[in-house]
Amino acid sequence: MTEFEYLYDSTEQTSTRFVCFFGESMRRFDLAIMTTNRYYGKKMVIDLQSGRSAIIGPDDLKEEAISNTPTS
């Protein structure tokens, strides 16, 4: 049996906003945007269709690598 070494295990109140929109390519995006006290004020954004997630803040959106990332 495998044993795990926990780094942390906590419960926290969150606020979640669900957003759905179409991009220029008519691709649909279903996002969940979670606000929490963790992650230094950044938001956890989850693409509900692909399961991909990221922790993003206003400073991250100003970076060229984030704003100019091509979508597939």
Foldseek 3Di string as FASTA:
>chain_A
DDDDDDPDDDDFDKDWDWDWDADPVRDIWTWIWIATPPDVRWIWIAGVVPRDIDTDDPVRCPDPCVVVPDDD
